Amino acid sequence: MLRIVPDKQFYKGDLVTVRNSRNHGPYCILAFKNGDNNQKIAILKALFNDTEIIEKPESELKSFLIKGLL
């Protein structure tokens, strides 16, 4: 089943890219946590790099599926 997500509404397991990032590869959302000022922070795992795990604010994420890349 394909689910189209509007901007800024993501769930664990969604595939995303990071805006303004040098690495344009896809990431999978592993979890969320609350950052400063209760900002929602996503913990991301790169799909094609076994060691890359990053944290980014949800506002910097774009859905990977909407682009039709997958």
C-alpha atoms as a PDB file:
ATOM      1  CA  MET A   1       0.000   0.000   0.000  1.00  0.00           C
ATOM      2  CA  LEU A   2       1.364   3.433  -0.940  1.00  0.00           C
ATOM      3  CA  ARG A   3       0.770   6.272   1.488  1.00  0.00           C
ATOM      4  CA  ILE A   4       1.325   9.846   0.330  1.00  0.00           C
ATOM      5  CA  VAL A   5       2.428  12.022   3.227  1.00  0.00           C
ATOM      6  CA  PRO A   6       1.936  15.754   3.349  1.00  0.00           C
ATOM      7  CA  ASP A   7       4.956  17.835   4.355  1.00  0.00           C
ATOM      8  CA  LYS A   8       5.924  17.760   8.022  1.00  0.00           C
ATOM      9  CA  GLN A   9       3.878  14.671   8.839  1.00  0.00           C
ATOM     10  CA  PHE A  10       6.159  11.662   9.025  1.00  0.00           C
ATOM     11  CA  TYR A  11       6.109   8.289  10.767  1.00  0.00           C
ATOM     12  CA  LYS A  12       8.682   5.667  11.772  1.00  0.00           C
ATOM     13  CA  GLY A  13       9.761   3.697   8.716  1.00  0.00           C
ATOM     14  CA  ASP A  14       9.113   6.488   6.191  1.00  0.00           C
ATOM     15  CA  LEU A  15      11.760   7.132   3.548  1.00  0.00           C
ATOM     16  CA  VAL A  16      12.935  10.750   3.437  1.00  0.00           C
ATOM     17  CA  THR A  17      15.663  13.048   2.168  1.00  0.00           C
ATOM     18  CA  VAL A  18      17.141  15.984   4.071  1.00  0.00           C
ATOM     19  CA  ARG A  19      16.727  19.502   2.659  1.00  0.00           C
ATOM     20  CA  ASN A  20      19.975  21.470   2.170  1.00  0.00           C
ATOM     21  CA  SER A  21      22.141  18.397   2.678  1.00  0.00           C
ATOM     22  CA  ARG A  22      25.222  17.409   0.685  1.00  0.00           C
ATOM     23  CA  ASN A  23      24.119  13.781   0.867  1.00  0.00           C
ATOM     24  CA  HIS A  24      20.917  13.487  -1.184  1.00  0.00           C
ATOM     25  CA  GLY A  25      20.551   9.785  -0.518  1.00  0.00           C
ATOM     26  CA  PRO A  26      17.443   8.379   1.103  1.00  0.00           C
ATOM     27  CA  TYR A  27      17.115   7.860   4.845  1.00  0.00           C
ATOM     28  CA  CYS A  28      14.730   5.751   6.874  1.00  0.00           C
ATOM     29  CA  ILE A  29      13.177   7.258  10.006  1.00  0.00           C
ATOM     30  CA  LEU A  30      14.095   5.075  12.983  1.00  0.00           C
ATOM     31  CA  ALA A  31      12.484   7.108  15.773  1.00  0.00           C
ATOM     32  CA  PHE A  32      11.530  10.561  16.996  1.00  0.00           C
ATOM     33  CA  LYS A  33      12.520  12.529  20.072  1.00  0.00           C
ATOM     34  CA  ASN A  34      11.744  15.978  21.436  1.00  0.00           C
ATOM     35  CA  GLY A  35      14.486  18.561  21.058  1.00  0.00           C
ATOM     36  CA  ASP A  36      14.787  22.105  22.304  1.00  0.00           C
ATOM     37  CA  ASN A  37      11.481  23.979  22.566  1.00  0.00           C
ATOM     38  CA  ASN A  38       9.631  20.651  22.064  1.00  0.00           C
ATOM     39  CA  GLN A  39      10.761  20.538  18.427  1.00  0.00           C
ATOM     40  CA  LYS A  40      10.300  17.066  16.924  1.00  0.00           C
ATOM     41  CA  ILE A  41      13.686  15.566  15.956  1.00  0.00           C
ATOM     42  CA  ALA A  42      13.921  12.536  13.658  1.00  0.00           C
ATOM     43  CA  ILE A  43      16.627   9.909  14.063  1.00  0.00           C
ATOM     44  CA  LEU A  44      17.568   8.819  10.545  1.00  0.00           C
ATOM     45  CA  LYS A  45      19.519   5.869   9.131  1.00  0.00           C
ATOM     46  CA  ALA A  46      21.034   6.152   5.654  1.00  0.00           C
ATOM     47  CA  LEU A  47      19.846   3.350   3.375  1.00  0.00           C
ATOM     48  CA  PHE A  48      23.107   2.843   1.489  1.00  0.00           C
ATOM     49  CA  ASN A  49      25.579   3.525   4.301  1.00  0.00           C
ATOM     50  CA  ASP A  50      25.656   1.063   7.209  1.00  0.00           C
ATOM     51  CA  THR A  51      27.268   3.486   9.655  1.00  0.00           C
ATOM     52  CA  GLU A  52      25.489   6.800   8.971  1.00  0.00           C
ATOM     53  CA  ILE A  53      22.882   7.683  11.582  1.00  0.00           C
ATOM     54  CA  ILE A  54      21.920  11.349  11.957  1.00  0.00           C
ATOM     55  CA  GLU A  55      19.389  13.510  13.788  1.00  0.00           C
ATOM     56  CA  LYS A  56      17.479  16.236  11.951  1.00  0.00           C
ATOM     57  CA  PRO A  57      14.466  18.403  12.778  1.00  0.00           C
ATOM     58  CA  GLU A  58      11.278  17.190  11.150  1.00  0.00           C
ATOM     59  CA  SER A  59      11.001  20.546   9.356  1.00  0.00           C
ATOM     60  CA  GLU A  60      14.141  19.700   7.298  1.00  0.00           C
ATOM     61  CA  LEU A  61      12.738  16.437   5.920  1.00  0.00           C
ATOM     62  CA  LYS A  62      11.155  15.780   2.523  1.00  0.00           C
ATOM     63  CA  SER A  63       9.345  12.610   1.569  1.00  0.00           C
ATOM     64  CA  PHE A  64      11.371  10.398  -0.768  1.00  0.00           C
ATOM     65  CA  LEU A  65       8.336   8.631  -2.232  1.00  0.00           C
ATOM     66  CA  ILE A  66       6.467  11.675  -3.506  1.00  0.00           C
ATOM     67  CA  LYS A  67       9.319  12.442  -5.921  1.00  0.00           C
ATOM     68  CA  GLY A  68       8.653   9.139  -7.659  1.00  0.00           C
ATOM     69  CA  LEU A  69      12.230   8.016  -7.090  1.00  0.00           C
ATOM     70  CA  LEU A  70      11.298   4.706  -5.551  1.00  0.00           C
END
